[in-house]
Amino acid sequence: MTTVQERRKKAKKDALLFGAVSCALYAGAFVYADAMVTMFAKGGMYTMLPIVTVFLFSYVHGNFAGSVWTALGIEASAKAGRKTDKADAAKRTDSRNRATVTA
């Protein structure tokens, strides 16, 4: 098998895993919504719980979505995210009009 096929096979497994975890998280959030709201509203250190919850949901859903795209064979181009060398980048001249005050 080629590396592309292996990557897609792994991505399918990851998509199923993270999809199941994502469904469980959403189900838990809906089932325990009242308890979560009560706990989140306590203040103090409990204030961090909604933030941690959002990061957890974001991490799981992001991995699920990324795995789905990889499993479908949709990848970012190799050029995406590549930074240009400062030596190669040309200095731009500022050609905008400037307001001047004459007295």
PDB file of N, CA and C in Angstrom:
ATOM      1  N   MET A   1       0.835  -1.182   0.000  1.00  0.00           N
ATOM      2  CA  MET A   1       0.000   0.000   0.000  1.00  0.00           C
ATOM      3  C   MET A   1       0.880   1.246   0.000  1.00  0.00           C
ATOM      4  N   THR A   2       0.405   2.277  -0.650  1.00  0.00           N
ATOM      5  CA  THR A   2       1.161   3.515  -0.662  1.00  0.00           C
ATOM      6  C   THR A   2       0.862   4.319   0.601  1.00  0.00           C
ATOM      7  N   THR A   3       1.656   5.323   0.812  1.00  0.00           N
ATOM      8  CA  THR A   3       1.471   6.137   2.013  1.00  0.00           C
ATOM      9  C   THR A   3       0.159   6.914   1.972  1.00  0.00           C
ATOM     10  N   VAL A   4      -0.302   7.287   0.790  1.00  0.00           N
ATOM     11  CA  VAL A   4      -1.570   8.002   0.670  1.00  0.00           C
ATOM     12  C   VAL A   4      -2.714   7.094   1.100  1.00  0.00           C
ATOM     13  N   GLN A   5      -2.671   5.847   0.670  1.00  0.00           N
ATOM     14  CA  GLN A   5      -3.718   4.901   1.043  1.00  0.00           C
ATOM     15  C   GLN A   5      -3.679   4.608   2.545  1.00  0.00           C
ATOM     16  N   GLU A   6      -2.487   4.486   3.100  1.00  0.00           N
ATOM     17  CA  GLU A   6      -2.361   4.247   4.537  1.00  0.00           C
ATOM     18  C   GLU A   6      -2.887   5.433   5.331  1.00  0.00           C
ATOM     19  N   ARG A   7      -2.565   6.635   4.859  1.00  0.00           N
ATOM     20  CA  ARG A   7      -3.027   7.848   5.545  1.00  0.00           C
ATOM     21  C   ARG A   7      -4.549   7.945   5.505  1.00  0.00           C
ATOM     22  N   ARG A   8      -5.139   7.613   4.350  1.00  0.00           N
ATOM     23  CA  ARG A   8      -6.598   7.667   4.233  1.00  0.00           C
ATOM     24  C   ARG A   8      -7.258   6.602   5.097  1.00  0.00           C
ATOM     25  N   LYS A   9      -6.641   5.421   5.197  1.00  0.00           N
ATOM     26  CA  LYS A   9      -7.190   4.348   6.029  1.00  0.00           C
ATOM     27  C   LYS A   9      -7.156   4.757   7.507  1.00  0.00           C
ATOM     28  N   LYS A  10      -6.035   5.346   7.947  1.00  0.00           N
ATOM     29  CA  LYS A  10      -5.922   5.823   9.322  1.00  0.00           C
ATOM     30  C   LYS A  10      -6.921   6.944   9.577  1.00  0.00           C
ATOM     31  N   ALA A  11      -7.097   7.821   8.580  1.00  0.00           N
ATOM     32  CA  ALA A  11      -8.026   8.938   8.723  1.00  0.00           C
ATOM     33  C   ALA A  11      -9.458   8.442   8.874  1.00  0.00           C
ATOM     34  N   LYS A  12      -9.813   7.367   8.195  1.00  0.00           N
ATOM     35  CA  LYS A  12     -11.161   6.799   8.338  1.00  0.00           C
ATOM     36  C   LYS A  12     -11.385   6.306   9.761  1.00  0.00           C
ATOM     37  N   LYS A  13     -10.376   5.630  10.324  1.00  0.00           N
ATOM     38  CA  LYS A  13     -10.492   5.159  11.706  1.00  0.00           C
ATOM     39  C   LYS A  13     -10.593   6.331  12.675  1.00  0.00           C
ATOM     40  N   ASP A  14      -9.755   7.347  12.452  1.00  0.00           N
ATOM     41  CA  ASP A  14      -9.781   8.534  13.317  1.00  0.00           C
ATOM     42  C   ASP A  14     -11.123   9.261  13.202  1.00  0.00           C
ATOM     43  N   ALA A  15     -11.668   9.328  11.995  1.00  0.00           N
ATOM     44  CA  ALA A  15     -12.953   9.999  11.802  1.00  0.00           C
ATOM     45  C   ALA A  15     -14.049   9.274  12.570  1.00  0.00           C
ATOM     46  N   LEU A  16     -14.041   7.958  12.532  1.00  0.00           N
ATOM     47  CA  LEU A  16     -15.034   7.201  13.288  1.00  0.00           C
ATOM     48  C   LEU A  16     -14.861   7.402  14.789  1.00  0.00           C
ATOM     49  N   LEU A  17     -13.613   7.369  15.258  1.00  0.00           N
ATOM     50  CA  LEU A  17     -13.347   7.543  16.683  1.00  0.00           C
ATOM     51  C   LEU A  17     -13.757   8.936  17.149  1.00  0.00           C
ATOM     52  N   PHE A  18     -13.248   9.968  16.486  1.00  0.00           N
ATOM     53  CA  PHE A  18     -13.563  11.331  16.908  1.00  0.00           C
ATOM     54  C   PHE A  18     -15.031  11.672  16.654  1.00  0.00           C
ATOM     55  N   GLY A  19     -15.642  11.074  15.661  1.00  0.00           N
ATOM     56  CA  GLY A  19     -17.078  11.266  15.436  1.00  0.00           C
ATOM     57  C   GLY A  19     -17.896  10.695  16.575  1.00  0.00           C
ATOM     58  N   ALA A  20     -17.510   9.514  17.043  1.00  0.00           N
ATOM     59  CA  ALA A  20     -18.222   8.902  18.174  1.00  0.00           C
ATOM     60  C   ALA A  20     -18.029   9.729  19.446  1.00  0.00           C
ATOM     61  N   VAL A  21     -16.807  10.188  19.677  1.00  0.00           N
ATOM     62  CA  VAL A  21     -16.545  11.015  20.861  1.00  0.00           C
ATOM     63  C   VAL A  21     -17.308  12.330  20.761  1.00  0.00           C
ATOM     64  N   SER A  22     -17.359  12.915  19.577  1.00  0.00           N
ATOM     65  CA  SER A  22     -18.086  14.161  19.375  1.00  0.00           C
ATOM     66  C   SER A  22     -19.574  13.972  19.652  1.00  0.00           C
ATOM     67  N   CYS A  23     -20.146  12.886  19.145  1.00  0.00           N
ATOM     68  CA  CYS A  23     -21.559  12.596  19.411  1.00  0.00           C
ATOM     69  C   CYS A  23     -21.804  12.410  20.904  1.00  0.00           C
ATOM     70  N   ALA A  24     -20.898  11.708  21.582  1.00  0.00           N
ATOM     71  CA  ALA A  24     -21.044  11.495  23.023  1.00  0.00           C
ATOM     72  C   ALA A  24     -20.966  12.812  23.784  1.00  0.00           C
ATOM     73  N   LEU A  25     -20.051  13.696  23.376  1.00  0.00           N
ATOM     74  CA  LEU A  25     -19.939  14.997  24.038  1.00  0.00           C
ATOM     75  C   LEU A  25     -21.217  15.824  23.853  1.00  0.00           C
ATOM     76  N   TYR A  26     -21.735  15.865  22.645  1.00  0.00           N
ATOM     77  CA  TYR A  26     -22.960  16.628  22.406  1.00  0.00           C
ATOM     78  C   TYR A  26     -24.138  16.016  23.140  1.00  0.00           C
ATOM     79  N   ALA A  27     -24.238  14.695  23.145  1.00  0.00           N
ATOM     80  CA  ALA A  27     -25.323  14.039  23.875  1.00  0.00           C
ATOM     81  C   ALA A  27     -25.224  14.351  25.367  1.00  0.00           C
ATOM     82  N   GLY A  28     -24.010  14.269  25.910  1.00  0.00           N
ATOM     83  CA  GLY A  28     -23.818  14.595  27.319  1.00  0.00           C
ATOM     84  C   GLY A  28     -24.151  16.043  27.624  1.00  0.00           C
ATOM     85  N   ALA A  29     -23.804  16.945  26.717  1.00  0.00           N
ATOM     86  CA  ALA A  29     -24.107  18.361  26.929  1.00  0.00           C
ATOM     87  C   ALA A  29     -25.607  18.607  26.948  1.00  0.00           C
ATOM     88  N   PHE A  30     -26.350  17.911  26.092  1.00  0.00           N
ATOM     89  CA  PHE A  30     -27.799  18.103  26.079  1.00  0.00           C
ATOM     90  C   PHE A  30     -28.472  17.411  27.261  1.00  0.00           C
ATOM     91  N   VAL A  31     -28.013  16.233  27.622  1.00  0.00           N
ATOM     92  CA  VAL A  31     -28.628  15.505  28.736  1.00  0.00           C
ATOM     93  C   VAL A  31     -28.359  16.207  30.066  1.00  0.00           C
ATOM     94  N   TYR A  32     -27.134  16.689  30.253  1.00  0.00           N
ATOM     95  CA  TYR A  32     -26.750  17.311  31.517  1.00  0.00           C
ATOM     96  C   TYR A  32     -26.679  18.832  31.421  1.00  0.00           C
ATOM     97  N   ALA A  33     -27.479  19.424  30.561  1.00  0.00           N
ATOM     98  CA  ALA A  33     -27.428  20.869  30.346  1.00  0.00           C
ATOM     99  C   ALA A  33     -27.731  21.648  31.630  1.00  0.00           C
ATOM    100  N   ASP A  34     -28.755  21.248  32.355  1.00  0.00           N
ATOM    101  CA  ASP A  34     -29.123  21.974  33.574  1.00  0.00           C
ATOM    102  C   ASP A  34     -28.022  21.890  34.624  1.00  0.00           C
ATOM    103  N   ALA A  35     -27.455  20.716  34.801  1.00  0.00           N
ATOM    104  CA  ALA A  35     -26.373  20.556  35.778  1.00  0.00           C
ATOM    105  C   ALA A  35     -25.142  21.360  35.359  1.00  0.00           C
ATOM    106  N   MET A  36     -24.861  21.401  34.072  1.00  0.00           N
ATOM    107  CA  MET A  36     -23.703  22.159  33.588  1.00  0.00           C
ATOM    108  C   MET A  36     -23.909  23.655  33.820  1.00  0.00           C
ATOM    109  N   VAL A  37     -25.096  24.153  33.530  1.00  0.00           N
ATOM    110  CA  VAL A  37     -25.371  25.575  33.726  1.00  0.00           C
ATOM    111  C   VAL A  37     -25.240  25.939  35.199  1.00  0.00           C
ATOM    112  N   THR A  38     -25.763  25.093  36.074  1.00  0.00           N
ATOM    113  CA  THR A  38     -25.664  25.342  37.515  1.00  0.00           C
ATOM    114  C   THR A  38     -24.209  25.370  37.959  1.00  0.00           C
ATOM    115  N   MET A  39     -23.417  24.420  37.499  1.00  0.00           N
ATOM    116  CA  MET A  39     -22.010  24.355  37.888  1.00  0.00           C
ATOM    117  C   MET A  39     -21.223  25.523  37.307  1.00  0.00           C
ATOM    118  N   PHE A  40     -21.477  25.868  36.043  1.00  0.00           N
ATOM    119  CA  PHE A  40     -20.736  26.942  35.388  1.00  0.00           C
ATOM    120  C   PHE A  40     -21.037  28.298  36.021  1.00  0.00           C
ATOM    121  N   ALA A  41     -22.212  28.451  36.619  1.00  0.00           N
ATOM    122  CA  ALA A  41     -22.632  29.738  37.178  1.00  0.00           C
ATOM    123  C   ALA A  41     -22.143  29.957  38.607  1.00  0.00           C
ATOM    124  N   LYS A  42     -21.427  29.004  39.183  1.00  0.00           N
ATOM    125  CA  LYS A  42     -20.981  29.130  40.573  1.00  0.00           C
ATOM    126  C   LYS A  42     -19.940  30.225  40.762  1.00  0.00           C
ATOM    127  N   GLY A  43     -19.163  30.515  39.758  1.00  0.00           N
ATOM    128  CA  GLY A  43     -18.127  31.529  39.874  1.00  0.00           C
ATOM    129  C   GLY A  43     -16.839  30.945  40.409  1.00  0.00           C
ATOM    130  N   GLY A  44     -15.882  31.802  40.663  1.00  0.00           N
ATOM    131  CA  GLY A  44     -14.588  31.342  41.166  1.00  0.00           C
ATOM    132  C   GLY A  44     -13.870  30.505  40.123  1.00  0.00           C
ATOM    133  N   MET A  45     -13.321  29.388  40.565  1.00  0.00           N
ATOM    134  CA  MET A  45     -12.600  28.500  39.644  1.00  0.00           C
ATOM    135  C   MET A  45     -13.539  27.818  38.654  1.00  0.00           C
ATOM    136  N   TYR A  46     -14.821  27.759  38.979  1.00  0.00           N
ATOM    137  CA  TYR A  46     -15.796  27.154  38.060  1.00  0.00           C
ATOM    138  C   TYR A  46     -15.961  27.986  36.789  1.00  0.00           C
ATOM    139  N   THR A  47     -15.482  29.215  36.817  1.00  0.00           N
ATOM    140  CA  THR A  47     -15.563  30.079  35.650  1.00  0.00           C
ATOM    141  C   THR A  47     -14.752  29.514  34.481  1.00  0.00           C
ATOM    142  N   MET A  48     -13.737  28.744  34.794  1.00  0.00           N
ATOM    143  CA  MET A  48     -12.893  28.162  33.738  1.00  0.00           C
ATOM    144  C   MET A  48     -13.566  26.982  33.033  1.00  0.00           C
ATOM    145  N   LEU A  49     -14.551  26.372  33.645  1.00  0.00           N
ATOM    146  CA  LEU A  49     -15.176  25.181  33.059  1.00  0.00           C
ATOM    147  C   LEU A  49     -15.801  25.414  31.681  1.00  0.00           C
ATOM    148  N   PRO A  50     -16.539  26.505  31.456  1.00  0.00           N
ATOM    149  CA  PRO A  50     -17.063  26.701  30.094  1.00  0.00           C
ATOM    150  C   PRO A  50     -15.951  26.845  29.059  1.00  0.00           C
ATOM    151  N   ILE A  51     -14.862  27.499  29.434  1.00  0.00           N
ATOM    152  CA  ILE A  51     -13.749  27.686  28.502  1.00  0.00           C
ATOM    153  C   ILE A  51     -13.099  26.348  28.184  1.00  0.00           C
ATOM    154  N   VAL A  52     -12.866  25.541  29.211  1.00  0.00           N
ATOM    155  CA  VAL A  52     -12.286  24.212  29.010  1.00  0.00           C
ATOM    156  C   VAL A  52     -13.222  23.352  28.166  1.00  0.00           C
ATOM    157  N   THR A  53     -14.518  23.468  28.413  1.00  0.00           N
ATOM    158  CA  THR A  53     -15.508  22.690  27.653  1.00  0.00           C
ATOM    159  C   THR A  53     -15.482  23.075  26.176  1.00  0.00           C
ATOM    160  N   VAL A  54     -15.407  24.358  25.911  1.00  0.00           N
ATOM    161  CA  VAL A  54     -15.372  24.823  24.518  1.00  0.00           C
ATOM    162  C   VAL A  54     -14.102  24.337  23.827  1.00  0.00           C
ATOM    163  N   PHE A  55     -12.958  24.411  24.517  1.00  0.00           N
ATOM    164  CA  PHE A  55     -11.711  23.914  23.925  1.00  0.00           C
ATOM    165  C   PHE A  55     -11.787  22.405  23.662  1.00  0.00           C
ATOM    166  N   LEU A  56     -12.390  21.649  24.567  1.00  0.00           N
ATOM    167  CA  LEU A  56     -12.540  20.208  24.371  1.00  0.00           C
ATOM    168  C   LEU A  56     -13.398  19.916  23.139  1.00  0.00           C
ATOM    169  N   PHE A  57     -14.548  20.594  23.046  1.00  0.00           N
ATOM    170  CA  PHE A  57     -15.416  20.402  21.884  1.00  0.00           C
ATOM    171  C   PHE A  57     -14.698  20.800  20.599  1.00  0.00           C
ATOM    172  N   SER A  58     -13.972  21.903  20.645  1.00  0.00           N
ATOM    173  CA  SER A  58     -13.258  22.371  19.466  1.00  0.00           C
ATOM    174  C   SER A  58     -12.189  21.383  19.028  1.00  0.00           C
ATOM    175  N   TYR A  59     -11.434  20.854  19.980  1.00  0.00           N
ATOM    176  CA  TYR A  59     -10.379  19.890  19.669  1.00  0.00           C
ATOM    177  C   TYR A  59     -10.960  18.627  19.034  1.00  0.00           C
ATOM    178  N   VAL A  60     -11.992  18.080  19.659  1.00  0.00           N
ATOM    179  CA  VAL A  60     -12.581  16.834  19.158  1.00  0.00           C
ATOM    180  C   VAL A  60     -13.224  17.054  17.789  1.00  0.00           C
ATOM    181  N   HIS A  61     -13.996  18.118  17.658  1.00  0.00           N
ATOM    182  CA  HIS A  61     -14.669  18.363  16.382  1.00  0.00           C
ATOM    183  C   HIS A  61     -13.663  18.713  15.281  1.00  0.00           C
ATOM    184  N   GLY A  62     -12.616  19.449  15.625  1.00  0.00           N
ATOM    185  CA  GLY A  62     -11.592  19.782  14.637  1.00  0.00           C
ATOM    186  C   GLY A  62     -10.867  18.549  14.127  1.00  0.00           C
ATOM    187  N   ASN A  63     -10.518  17.643  15.035  1.00  0.00           N
ATOM    188  CA  ASN A  63      -9.879  16.397  14.607  1.00  0.00           C
ATOM    189  C   ASN A  63     -10.826  15.545  13.776  1.00  0.00           C
ATOM    190  N   PHE A  64     -12.096  15.525  14.148  1.00  0.00           N
ATOM    191  CA  PHE A  64     -13.086  14.784  13.368  1.00  0.00           C
ATOM    192  C   PHE A  64     -13.185  15.355  11.953  1.00  0.00           C
ATOM    193  N   ALA A  65     -13.332  16.670  11.843  1.00  0.00           N
ATOM    194  CA  ALA A  65     -13.479  17.299  10.530  1.00  0.00           C
ATOM    195  C   ALA A  65     -12.226  17.106   9.681  1.00  0.00           C
ATOM    196  N   GLY A  66     -11.051  17.271  10.285  1.00  0.00           N
ATOM    197  CA  GLY A  66      -9.806  17.075   9.545  1.00  0.00           C
ATOM    198  C   GLY A  66      -9.657  15.644   9.052  1.00  0.00           C
ATOM    199  N   SER A  67     -10.050  14.688   9.881  1.00  0.00           N
ATOM    200  CA  SER A  67      -9.967  13.282   9.481  1.00  0.00           C
ATOM    201  C   SER A  67     -10.946  12.955   8.361  1.00  0.00           C
ATOM    202  N   VAL A  68     -12.123  13.562   8.419  1.00  0.00           N
ATOM    203  CA  VAL A  68     -13.105  13.335   7.344  1.00  0.00           C
ATOM    204  C   VAL A  68     -12.561  13.848   6.014  1.00  0.00           C
ATOM    205  N   TRP A  69     -11.988  15.054   6.012  1.00  0.00           N
ATOM    206  CA  TRP A  69     -11.435  15.597   4.767  1.00  0.00           C
ATOM    207  C   TRP A  69     -10.296  14.724   4.248  1.00  0.00           C
ATOM    208  N   THR A  70      -9.434  14.272   5.141  1.00  0.00           N
ATOM    209  CA  THR A  70      -8.323  13.409   4.710  1.00  0.00           C
ATOM    210  C   THR A  70      -8.850  12.084   4.184  1.00  0.00           C
ATOM    211  N   ALA A  71      -9.849  11.522   4.843  1.00  0.00           N
ATOM    212  CA  ALA A  71     -10.422  10.250   4.394  1.00  0.00           C
ATOM    213  C   ALA A  71     -11.062  10.390   3.014  1.00  0.00           C
ATOM    214  N   LEU A  72     -11.592  11.571   2.723  1.00  0.00           N
ATOM    215  CA  LEU A  72     -12.185  11.822   1.407  1.00  0.00           C
ATOM    216  C   LEU A  72     -11.139  12.143   0.352  1.00  0.00           C
ATOM    217  N   GLY A  73      -9.885  12.314   0.779  1.00  0.00           N
ATOM    218  CA  GLY A  73      -8.810  12.587  -0.162  1.00  0.00           C
ATOM    219  C   GLY A  73      -8.594  14.062  -0.431  1.00  0.00           C
ATOM    220  N   ILE A  74      -9.166  14.912   0.406  1.00  0.00           N
ATOM    221  CA  ILE A  74      -9.018  16.352   0.220  1.00  0.00           C
ATOM    222  C   ILE A  74      -7.928  16.833   1.166  1.00  0.00           C
ATOM    223  N   GLU A  75      -6.840  17.320   0.598  1.00  0.00           N
ATOM    224  CA  GLU A  75      -5.682  17.765   1.376  1.00  0.00           C
ATOM    225  C   GLU A  75      -5.342  19.199   1.001  1.00  0.00           C
ATOM    226  N   ALA A  76      -4.696  19.896   1.909  1.00  0.00           N
ATOM    227  CA  ALA A  76      -4.212  21.245   1.612  1.00  0.00           C
ATOM    228  C   ALA A  76      -3.034  21.123   0.649  1.00  0.00           C
ATOM    229  N   SER A  77      -2.867  22.125  -0.189  1.00  0.00           N
ATOM    230  CA  SER A  77      -1.741  22.089  -1.115  1.00  0.00           C
ATOM    231  C   SER A  77      -0.445  22.281  -0.338  1.00  0.00           C
ATOM    232  N   ALA A  78       0.648  21.820  -0.910  1.00  0.00           N
ATOM    233  CA  ALA A  78       1.939  21.929  -0.239  1.00  0.00           C
ATOM    234  C   ALA A  78       2.364  23.386  -0.130  1.00  0.00           C
ATOM    235  N   LYS A  79       1.866  24.229  -1.026  1.00  0.00           N
ATOM    236  CA  LYS A  79       2.208  25.641  -1.001  1.00  0.00           C
ATOM    237  C   LYS A  79       1.524  26.384   0.136  1.00  0.00           C
ATOM    238  N   ALA A  80       0.373  25.906   0.580  1.00  0.00           N
ATOM    239  CA  ALA A  80      -0.394  26.598   1.609  1.00  0.00           C
ATOM    240  C   ALA A  80       0.402  26.658   2.905  1.00  0.00           C
ATOM    241  N   GLY A  81       0.470  27.818   3.479  1.00  0.00           N
ATOM    242  CA  GLY A  81       1.165  27.987   4.739  1.00  0.00           C
ATOM    243  C   GLY A  81       2.660  28.198   4.629  1.00  0.00           C
ATOM    244  N   ARG A  82       3.198  28.151   3.422  1.00  0.00           N
ATOM    245  CA  ARG A  82       4.635  28.341   3.253  1.00  0.00           C
ATOM    246  C   ARG A  82       4.950  29.828   3.354  1.00  0.00           C
ATOM    247  N   LYS A  83       5.959  30.158   4.110  1.00  0.00           N
ATOM    248  CA  LYS A  83       6.337  31.546   4.304  1.00  0.00           C
ATOM    249  C   LYS A  83       7.438  31.913   3.312  1.00  0.00           C
ATOM    250  N   THR A  84       7.418  33.161   2.890  1.00  0.00           N
ATOM    251  CA  THR A  84       8.443  33.628   1.961  1.00  0.00           C
ATOM    252  C   THR A  84       9.677  34.045   2.734  1.00  0.00           C
ATOM    253  N   ASP A  85      10.821  33.891   2.110  1.00  0.00           N
ATOM    254  CA  ASP A  85      12.059  34.357   2.711  1.00  0.00           C
ATOM    255  C   ASP A  85      12.075  35.874   2.699  1.00  0.00           C
ATOM    256  N   LYS A  86      12.625  36.454   3.735  1.00  0.00           N
ATOM    257  CA  LYS A  86      12.696  37.906   3.788  1.00  0.00           C
ATOM    258  C   LYS A  86      13.630  38.443   2.709  1.00  0.00           C
ATOM    259  N   ALA A  87      14.634  37.678   2.357  1.00  0.00           N
ATOM    260  CA  ALA A  87      15.570  38.120   1.325  1.00  0.00           C
ATOM    261  C   ALA A  87      14.882  38.165  -0.038  1.00  0.00           C
ATOM    262  N   ASP A  88      13.945  37.239  -0.276  1.00  0.00           N
ATOM    263  CA  ASP A  88      13.250  37.186  -1.554  1.00  0.00           C
ATOM    264  C   ASP A  88      12.115  38.203  -1.648  1.00  0.00           C
ATOM    265  N   ALA A  89      11.590  38.617  -0.516  1.00  0.00           N
ATOM    266  CA  ALA A  89      10.461  39.533  -0.535  1.00  0.00           C
ATOM    267  C   ALA A  89      10.941  40.939  -0.891  1.00  0.00           C
ATOM    268  N   ALA A  90      10.273  41.541  -1.846  1.00  0.00           N
ATOM    269  CA  ALA A  90      10.648  42.894  -2.285  1.00  0.00           C
ATOM    270  C   ALA A  90      10.017  43.918  -1.352  1.00  0.00           C
ATOM    271  N   LYS A  91      10.750  44.950  -1.043  1.00  0.00           N
ATOM    272  CA  LYS A  91      10.250  46.035  -0.207  1.00  0.00           C
ATOM    273  C   LYS A  91       9.285  46.862  -1.028  1.00  0.00           C
ATOM    274  N   ARG A  92       8.091  47.066  -0.510  1.00  0.00           N
ATOM    275  CA  ARG A  92       7.096  47.857  -1.216  1.00  0.00           C
ATOM    276  C   ARG A  92       7.262  49.331  -0.865  1.00  0.00           C
ATOM    277  N   THR A  93       7.023  50.152  -1.851  1.00  0.00           N
ATOM    278  CA  THR A  93       7.054  51.582  -1.584  1.00  0.00           C
ATOM    279  C   THR A  93       5.653  52.036  -1.225  1.00  0.00           C
ATOM    280  N   ASP A  94       5.564  52.969  -0.300  1.00  0.00           N
ATOM    281  CA  ASP A  94       4.277  53.475   0.140  1.00  0.00           C
ATOM    282  C   ASP A  94       3.829  54.567  -0.823  1.00  0.00           C
ATOM    283  N   SER A  95       2.805  54.306  -1.599  1.00  0.00           N
ATOM    284  CA  SER A  95       2.355  55.259  -2.608  1.00  0.00           C
ATOM    285  C   SER A  95       1.025  55.903  -2.232  1.00  0.00           C
ATOM    286  N   ARG A  96       0.621  55.791  -0.961  1.00  0.00           N
ATOM    287  CA  ARG A  96      -0.635  56.381  -0.547  1.00  0.00           C
ATOM    288  C   ARG A  96      -0.510  57.897  -0.429  1.00  0.00           C
ATOM    289  N   ASN A  97      -1.614  58.587  -0.677  1.00  0.00           N
ATOM    290  CA  ASN A  97      -1.644  60.034  -0.529  1.00  0.00           C
ATOM    291  C   ASN A  97      -1.564  60.382   0.959  1.00  0.00           C
ATOM    292  N   ARG A  98      -0.860  61.424   1.276  1.00  0.00           N
ATOM    293  CA  ARG A  98      -0.716  61.879   2.652  1.00  0.00           C
ATOM    294  C   ARG A  98      -1.344  63.251   2.806  1.00  0.00           C
ATOM    295  N   ALA A  99      -1.993  63.442   3.916  1.00  0.00           N
ATOM    296  CA  ALA A  99      -2.550  64.769   4.214  1.00  0.00           C
ATOM    297  C   ALA A  99      -1.421  65.653   4.712  1.00  0.00           C
ATOM    298  N   THR A 100      -1.385  66.863   4.208  1.00  0.00           N
ATOM    299  CA  THR A 100      -0.363  67.812   4.647  1.00  0.00           C
ATOM    300  C   THR A 100      -1.040  69.077   5.152  1.00  0.00           C
ATOM    301  N   VAL A 101      -0.391  69.731   6.092  1.00  0.00           N
ATOM    302  CA  VAL A 101      -0.918  70.959   6.652  1.00  0.00           C
ATOM    303  C   VAL A 101       0.005  72.091   6.218  1.00  0.00           C
ATOM    304  N   THR A 102      -0.550  73.102   5.589  1.00  0.00           N
ATOM    305  CA  THR A 102       0.227  74.272   5.203  1.00  0.00           C
ATOM    306  C   THR A 102      -0.301  75.464   5.980  1.00  0.00           C
ATOM    307  N   ALA A 103       0.601  76.191   6.564  1.00  0.00           N
ATOM    308  CA  ALA A 103       0.163  77.342   7.377  1.00  0.00           C
ATOM    309  C   ALA A 103       0.574  78.649   6.755  1.00  0.00           C
TER     310      ALA A 103
END
